[in-house]
Protein backbone atom coordinates (compact mmCIF):
# COMPACT_ATOMS: atom_id res chain seq x y z
CA UNK A 1 0.00 0.00 0.00
CA UNK A 2 2.90 2.33 0.70
CA UNK A 3 4.14 1.72 -2.86
CA UNK A 4 0.81 3.03 -4.13
CA UNK A 5 1.26 6.24 -2.20
CA UNK A 6 4.85 6.58 -3.45
CA UNK A 7 3.67 6.16 -7.03
CA UNK A 8 1.24 9.06 -6.70
CA UNK A 9 3.86 11.18 -4.94
CA UNK A 10 6.64 10.59 -7.45
CA UNK A 11 4.49 10.93 -10.56
CA UNK A 12 2.84 14.03 -9.16
CA UNK A 13 6.16 15.68 -8.29
CA UNK A 14 7.59 15.09 -11.76
CA UNK A 15 4.67 16.98 -13.30
CA UNK A 16 3.84 19.55 -10.62
CA UNK A 17 7.40 20.84 -10.19
CA UNK A 18 7.71 21.74 -13.86
CA UNK A 19 4.34 23.49 -13.75
CA UNK A 20 5.23 25.30 -10.52
CA UNK A 21 8.47 26.61 -12.04
CA UNK A 22 6.59 27.87 -15.09
CA UNK A 23 4.10 29.64 -12.81
CA UNK A 24 6.69 31.11 -10.45
CA UNK A 25 7.87 33.91 -12.72
CA UNK A 26 4.46 35.44 -13.62
CA UNK A 27 3.30 35.12 -10.00
CA UNK A 28 6.46 36.86 -8.78
CA UNK A 29 5.87 39.64 -11.31
CA UNK A 30 2.26 40.09 -10.18
CA UNK A 31 0.90 39.00 -13.56
CA UNK A 32 -1.29 36.11 -12.51
CA UNK A 33 -3.37 36.31 -15.68
CA UNK A 34 -0.24 35.42 -17.66
CA UNK A 35 -0.29 32.00 -15.97
CA UNK A 36 -3.46 31.00 -17.86
CA UNK A 37 -1.65 29.23 -20.75
CA UNK A 38 0.19 27.04 -18.24
CA UNK A 39 -3.01 26.11 -16.42
CA UNK A 40 -4.83 25.45 -19.69
CA UNK A 41 -2.02 23.17 -20.80
CA UNK A 42 -2.21 21.23 -17.53
CA UNK A 43 -5.95 20.84 -17.86
CA UNK A 44 -5.73 19.63 -21.45
CA UNK A 45 -3.07 17.07 -20.49
CA UNK A 46 -5.15 15.72 -17.61
CA UNK A 47 -8.22 15.36 -19.81
CA UNK A 48 -6.33 13.67 -22.66
CA UNK A 49 -4.29 11.32 -20.47
CA UNK A 50 -7.31 10.51 -18.33
CA UNK A 51 -9.45 9.69 -21.36
CA UNK A 52 -6.74 7.60 -22.95
CA UNK A 53 -6.10 5.73 -19.72
CA UNK A 54 -9.81 5.08 -19.27
CA UNK A 55 -10.07 3.64 -22.78
CA UNK A 56 -7.10 1.35 -22.22
CA UNK A 57 -8.15 0.21 -18.75
CA UNK A 58 -11.71 -0.70 -19.68
CA UNK A 59 -11.00 -1.92 -23.21
CA UNK A 60 -10.92 -5.61 -23.99
CA UNK A 61 -7.24 -5.41 -24.92
CA UNK A 62 -4.70 -2.84 -23.70
CA UNK A 63 -1.23 -1.83 -24.77
CA UNK A 64 1.61 -4.31 -24.64
CA UNK A 65 4.60 -3.57 -22.40
CA UNK A 66 6.76 -2.68 -25.40
CA UNK A 67 4.12 -0.31 -26.80
CA UNK A 68 3.76 1.42 -23.42
CA UNK A 69 7.51 1.87 -23.12
CA UNK A 70 7.83 3.24 -26.65
CA UNK A 71 4.94 5.65 -26.08
CA UNK A 72 6.24 6.76 -22.69
CA UNK A 73 9.71 7.34 -24.11
CA UNK A 74 8.35 9.41 -26.98
CA UNK A 75 6.31 11.58 -24.61
CA UNK A 76 9.33 12.14 -22.35
CA UNK A 77 11.59 13.11 -25.23
CA UNK A 78 8.89 15.41 -26.58
CA UNK A 79 8.55 17.08 -23.17
CA UNK A 80 12.32 17.61 -23.04
CA UNK A 81 12.29 19.17 -26.51
CA UNK A 82 9.52 21.62 -25.59
CA UNK A 83 11.22 22.55 -22.32
CA UNK A 84 14.42 23.19 -24.25
CA UNK A 85 12.60 25.46 -26.69
CA UNK A 86 11.03 27.44 -23.87
CA UNK A 87 14.33 27.79 -22.02
CA UNK A 88 16.14 28.93 -25.16
CA UNK A 89 13.51 31.59 -25.83
CA UNK A 90 13.52 32.78 -22.22
CA UNK A 91 17.29 33.00 -21.89
CA UNK A 92 17.79 34.78 -25.21
CA UNK A 93 14.87 37.14 -25.20
CA UNK A 94 13.75 37.52 -21.61
CA UNK A 95 10.45 36.46 -20.05
CA UNK A 96 8.31 37.94 -22.80
CA UNK A 97 9.91 35.74 -25.45
CA UNK A 98 8.04 32.53 -24.62
CA UNK A 99 4.64 32.94 -26.23
CA UNK A 100 1.37 31.63 -24.94
CA UNK A 101 1.35 28.70 -27.35
CA UNK A 102 4.80 27.58 -26.25
CA UNK A 103 3.90 27.83 -22.55
CA UNK A 104 0.71 25.88 -23.21
CA UNK A 105 2.68 23.18 -25.03
CA UNK A 106 5.37 22.95 -22.34
CA UNK A 107 2.84 22.61 -19.52
CA UNK A 108 0.89 20.06 -21.56
CA UNK A 109 4.01 17.98 -22.23
CA UNK A 110 5.22 18.17 -18.61
CA UNK A 111 1.94 16.71 -17.34
CA UNK A 112 1.27 14.22 -20.12
CA UNK A 113 4.87 12.89 -20.06
CA UNK A 114 3.98 10.01 -17.76
CA UNK A 115 0.29 10.66 -17.99
CA UNK A 116 -0.54 7.34 -19.64
CA UNK A 117 1.04 5.29 -16.87
CA UNK A 118 -0.45 7.52 -14.18
CA UNK A 119 -3.92 7.36 -15.72
CA UNK A 120 -3.78 3.58 -16.11
CA UNK A 121 -2.74 3.16 -12.49
CA UNK A 122 -5.41 5.57 -11.26
CA UNK A 123 -8.21 4.00 -13.31
CA UNK A 124 -7.12 0.59 -12.04
CA UNK A 125 -7.49 1.92 -8.50
CA UNK A 126 -10.92 3.31 -9.40
CA UNK A 127 -11.99 -0.06 -10.77
CA UNK A 128 -10.83 -1.72 -7.56
CA UNK A 129 -12.82 0.78 -5.50
CA UNK A 130 -15.97 0.17 -7.54
CA UNK A 131 -15.63 -3.57 -7.38
CA UNK A 132 -17.69 -5.10 -4.61
CA UNK A 133 -14.83 -7.38 -3.65
CA UNK A 134 -12.17 -4.73 -4.15
CA UNK A 135 -10.90 -1.96 -1.92
CA UNK A 136 -10.91 1.83 -2.04
CA UNK A 137 -7.55 1.94 -0.29
CA UNK A 138 -5.36 2.11 -3.44
CA UNK A 139 -7.40 4.98 -4.88
CA UNK A 140 -7.26 6.92 -1.62
CA UNK A 141 -3.50 6.44 -1.37
CA UNK A 142 -2.69 7.44 -4.93
CA UNK A 143 -4.85 10.55 -4.56
CA UNK A 144 -3.10 11.31 -1.28
CA UNK A 145 0.21 11.02 -3.13
CA UNK A 146 -0.97 13.52 -5.75
CA UNK A 147 -2.13 15.88 -3.02
CA UNK A 148 1.22 15.62 -1.22
CA UNK A 149 3.09 16.36 -4.45
CA UNK A 150 0.90 19.41 -5.09
CA UNK A 151 1.53 20.61 -1.54
CA UNK A 152 5.29 20.24 -1.96
CA UNK A 153 5.26 22.02 -5.32
CA UNK A 154 3.07 24.95 -4.27
CA UNK A 155 5.81 26.76 -2.26
CA UNK A 156 7.85 26.83 -5.46
CA UNK A 157 5.17 29.02 -7.05
CA UNK A 158 5.10 31.47 -4.18
CA UNK A 159 8.75 31.57 -3.13
CA UNK A 160 10.96 31.24 -6.23
CA UNK A 161 11.92 34.75 -7.28
CA UNK A 162 15.28 34.11 -8.93
CA UNK A 163 15.24 33.74 -12.67
CA UNK A 164 18.47 31.70 -12.56
CA UNK A 165 17.00 29.26 -10.03
CA UNK A 166 13.77 28.79 -11.97
CA UNK A 167 15.44 28.33 -15.35
CA UNK A 168 18.20 26.14 -13.92
CA UNK A 169 15.66 23.82 -12.29
CA UNK A 170 13.76 23.61 -15.57
CA UNK A 171 17.00 22.61 -17.31
CA UNK A 172 17.50 19.78 -14.79
CA UNK A 173 13.92 18.60 -15.31
CA UNK A 174 14.38 18.67 -19.08
CA UNK A 175 17.56 16.60 -18.80
CA UNK A 176 15.75 14.15 -16.56
CA UNK A 177 12.88 13.82 -19.02
CA UNK A 178 15.32 13.13 -21.85
CA UNK A 179 17.21 10.48 -19.83
CA UNK A 180 13.93 8.95 -18.69
CA UNK A 181 12.76 8.67 -22.29
CA UNK A 182 16.03 7.04 -23.33
CA UNK A 183 15.68 4.53 -20.51
CA UNK A 184 12.15 3.61 -21.51
CA UNK A 185 13.21 3.10 -25.11
CA UNK A 186 15.96 0.82 -23.86
CA UNK A 187 13.41 -1.14 -21.86
CA UNK A 188 11.40 -1.57 -25.03
CA UNK A 189 14.48 -2.82 -26.86
CA UNK A 190 14.77 0.15 -29.21
CA UNK A 191 18.25 1.24 -30.21
CA UNK A 192 20.18 -1.43 -28.28
CA UNK A 193 22.13 -4.28 -29.80
CA UNK A 194 21.78 -6.42 -26.71
CA UNK A 195 20.50 -6.19 -23.19
CA UNK A 196 23.69 -6.92 -21.28
CA UNK A 197 26.50 -4.61 -22.36
CA UNK A 198 27.46 -1.43 -24.13
CA UNK A 199 25.01 1.40 -23.71
CA UNK A 200 22.66 -0.92 -21.83
CA UNK A 201 25.21 -1.74 -19.15
CA UNK A 202 24.65 -0.38 -15.63
CA UNK A 203 26.85 2.69 -15.13
CA UNK A 204 26.72 2.56 -11.30
CA UNK A 205 24.47 1.13 -8.63
CA UNK A 206 23.27 3.24 -5.70
CA UNK A 207 20.23 1.16 -4.81
CA UNK A 208 21.68 0.36 -1.40
CA UNK A 209 22.02 4.06 -0.53
CA UNK A 210 18.93 5.27 -2.43
CA UNK A 211 16.36 2.45 -2.52
CA UNK A 212 13.90 3.07 -5.37
CA UNK A 213 10.97 2.08 -3.15
CA UNK A 214 11.88 4.45 -0.30
CA UNK A 215 10.11 7.70 0.55
CA UNK A 216 13.05 9.71 -0.81
CA UNK A 217 14.29 7.39 -3.57
CA UNK A 218 11.08 7.31 -5.61
CA UNK A 219 10.55 11.11 -5.74
CA UNK A 220 14.25 11.71 -6.44
CA UNK A 221 14.16 9.25 -9.32
CA UNK A 222 11.04 10.88 -10.76
CA UNK A 223 12.44 14.43 -10.57
CA UNK A 224 15.97 13.71 -11.80
CA UNK A 225 14.89 11.16 -14.38
CA UNK A 226 17.68 8.78 -13.33
CA UNK A 227 17.11 5.59 -11.34
CA UNK A 228 19.62 4.57 -8.68
CA UNK A 229 21.09 2.08 -11.19
CA UNK A 230 21.07 3.98 -14.49
CA UNK A 231 22.43 2.60 -17.74
CA UNK A 232 25.42 4.08 -19.53
CA UNK A 233 23.10 5.60 -22.13
CA UNK A 234 20.94 7.31 -19.50
CA UNK A 235 23.97 8.81 -17.76
CA UNK A 236 25.45 9.99 -21.05
CA UNK A 237 22.20 11.59 -22.18
CA UNK A 238 21.61 13.27 -18.82
CA UNK A 239 25.15 14.64 -18.55
CA UNK A 240 25.53 15.74 -22.17
CA UNK A 241 22.26 17.64 -21.98
CA UNK A 242 22.01 18.92 -18.42
CA UNK A 243 25.53 20.26 -17.89
CA UNK A 244 25.65 22.45 -21.06
CA UNK A 245 22.05 23.54 -20.42
CA UNK A 246 22.90 24.67 -16.89
CA UNK A 247 26.00 26.51 -18.10
CA UNK A 248 24.03 28.22 -20.84
CA UNK A 249 21.21 29.12 -18.48
CA UNK A 250 23.20 30.25 -15.45
CA UNK A 251 26.34 31.77 -16.99
CA UNK A 252 26.19 35.59 -16.59
CA UNK A 253 28.64 36.21 -19.41
CA UNK A 254 30.39 34.38 -22.18
CA UNK A 255 27.40 32.95 -24.00
CA UNK A 256 25.90 36.10 -25.40
CA UNK A 257 24.15 38.89 -23.62
CA UNK A 258 21.59 37.82 -21.11
CA UNK A 259 18.07 39.16 -21.11
CA UNK A 260 18.91 41.26 -18.06
CA UNK A 261 21.89 42.80 -19.86
CA UNK A 262 19.78 43.56 -22.89
CA UNK A 263 17.15 45.23 -20.73
CA UNK A 264 19.83 47.31 -18.98
CA UNK A 265 21.25 48.40 -22.33
CA UNK A 266 17.77 49.29 -23.49
CA UNK A 267 17.18 51.37 -20.38
CA UNK A 268 20.50 53.18 -20.80
CA UNK A 269 19.66 53.92 -24.41
CA UNK A 270 16.28 55.26 -23.38
CA UNK A 271 17.89 57.46 -20.74
CA UNK A 272 20.40 58.90 -23.19
CA UNK A 273 17.61 59.51 -25.67
CA UNK A 274 15.63 61.38 -23.05
CA UNK A 275 18.61 63.60 -22.30
CA UNK A 276 19.03 64.33 -25.99
CA UNK A 277 15.43 65.40 -26.19
CA UNK A 278 15.81 67.80 -23.31
CA UNK A 279 18.86 69.34 -24.97
CA UNK A 280 16.97 70.28 -28.14
CA UNK A 281 15.97 73.82 -28.86
CA UNK A 282 12.33 74.68 -28.42
CA UNK A 283 10.13 73.22 -31.12
CA UNK A 284 6.81 74.24 -32.53
CA UNK A 285 5.09 73.53 -29.23
CA UNK A 286 7.46 75.75 -27.27
CA UNK A 287 8.42 73.15 -24.65
CA UNK A 288 11.49 71.54 -26.16
CA UNK A 289 9.58 68.43 -27.37
CA UNK A 290 8.76 68.45 -31.04
CA UNK A 291 6.35 65.53 -31.34
CA UNK A 292 8.49 63.91 -34.08
CA UNK A 293 8.71 60.43 -32.55
CA UNK A 294 9.90 61.33 -29.06
CA UNK A 295 6.64 60.12 -27.62
CA UNK A 296 5.23 63.58 -26.85
CA UNK A 297 2.09 65.24 -28.09
CA UNK A 298 1.01 68.86 -28.36
CA UNK A 299 0.17 69.00 -24.69
CA UNK A 300 3.71 68.06 -23.70
CA UNK A 301 2.68 64.71 -22.16
CA UNK A 302 4.38 61.46 -23.13
CA UNK A 303 2.08 59.13 -25.00
CA UNK A 304 4.17 55.93 -24.81
CA UNK A 305 5.37 56.04 -21.23
CA UNK A 306 5.05 52.91 -19.17
CA UNK A 307 6.87 51.78 -16.03
CA UNK A 308 10.37 50.70 -16.90
CA UNK A 309 10.83 46.93 -16.80
CA UNK A 310 7.14 46.13 -17.35
CA UNK A 311 7.19 43.21 -19.75
CA UNK A 312 4.46 42.60 -22.20
CA UNK A 313 4.95 38.89 -22.52
CA UNK A 314 3.15 36.14 -20.71
CA UNK A 315 5.78 35.82 -18.06
CA UNK A 316 5.79 39.44 -17.02
CA UNK A 317 8.91 41.39 -16.12
CA UNK A 318 12.27 40.30 -14.82
CA UNK A 319 11.49 41.39 -11.28
């Protein structure tokens, strides 16, 4: 029964942490309405995965193990690709660069990544609860696991204010999703010459220190995407993706100007432009502002002023 609770906890954390990190920036900027694409993506993923799981659970014939592993691997790799696209846009162009469609897609992929397995497990628990000879215990425990995961992820939404922390954690989650997808493809037998050596060999074994069925081992495996006994391929994929992604995301210099640097340069340019305007001789309106693109009208008031740093994108400003 404890394994049932751990399943809900680990699967919930893998999805809820990514969603919480996507929500943290707009919440910190006070732009709660900008979080709508993320919430819509989550809702769409729950509906789709739930419907698909229902069809498989109550159908006369479900998916084979190999088909489930291939599907789960494809969803994980797709989630990693979308997270990478969002991170690239955010790091290069600031928080307004990730459009609503991209945020919707990232949230959808983060939730649906293991949605098929989660939905199958949950519907199986529902069937057991409805069966006269079954028990409602598994359903209650898996729902309790989901609730615990949501409770652990919620502080991320309200407390994460650092852009580097949020984007760095998303990079780790993306690397974990990619490694998890590679592992599931290996389990299905795709892309491996044999099941005993080479890329399929066990890189290291930490199961004694981090048991996969422990209260800390299962969530850690779900979040990082690596089991305590990962294969060589999983370790290679995780390292080759996560380390460069963290360097690219967290490095203040050396990989192009950051969004913060671009905003600072923009502000400095705006300040110098304002000084140039004030140095002009009086124009037709007699107040030193000529209305030729400086953002001033005949009454001397600026028409395009807005608070500096107020972003127009779905993630708000940089804080």
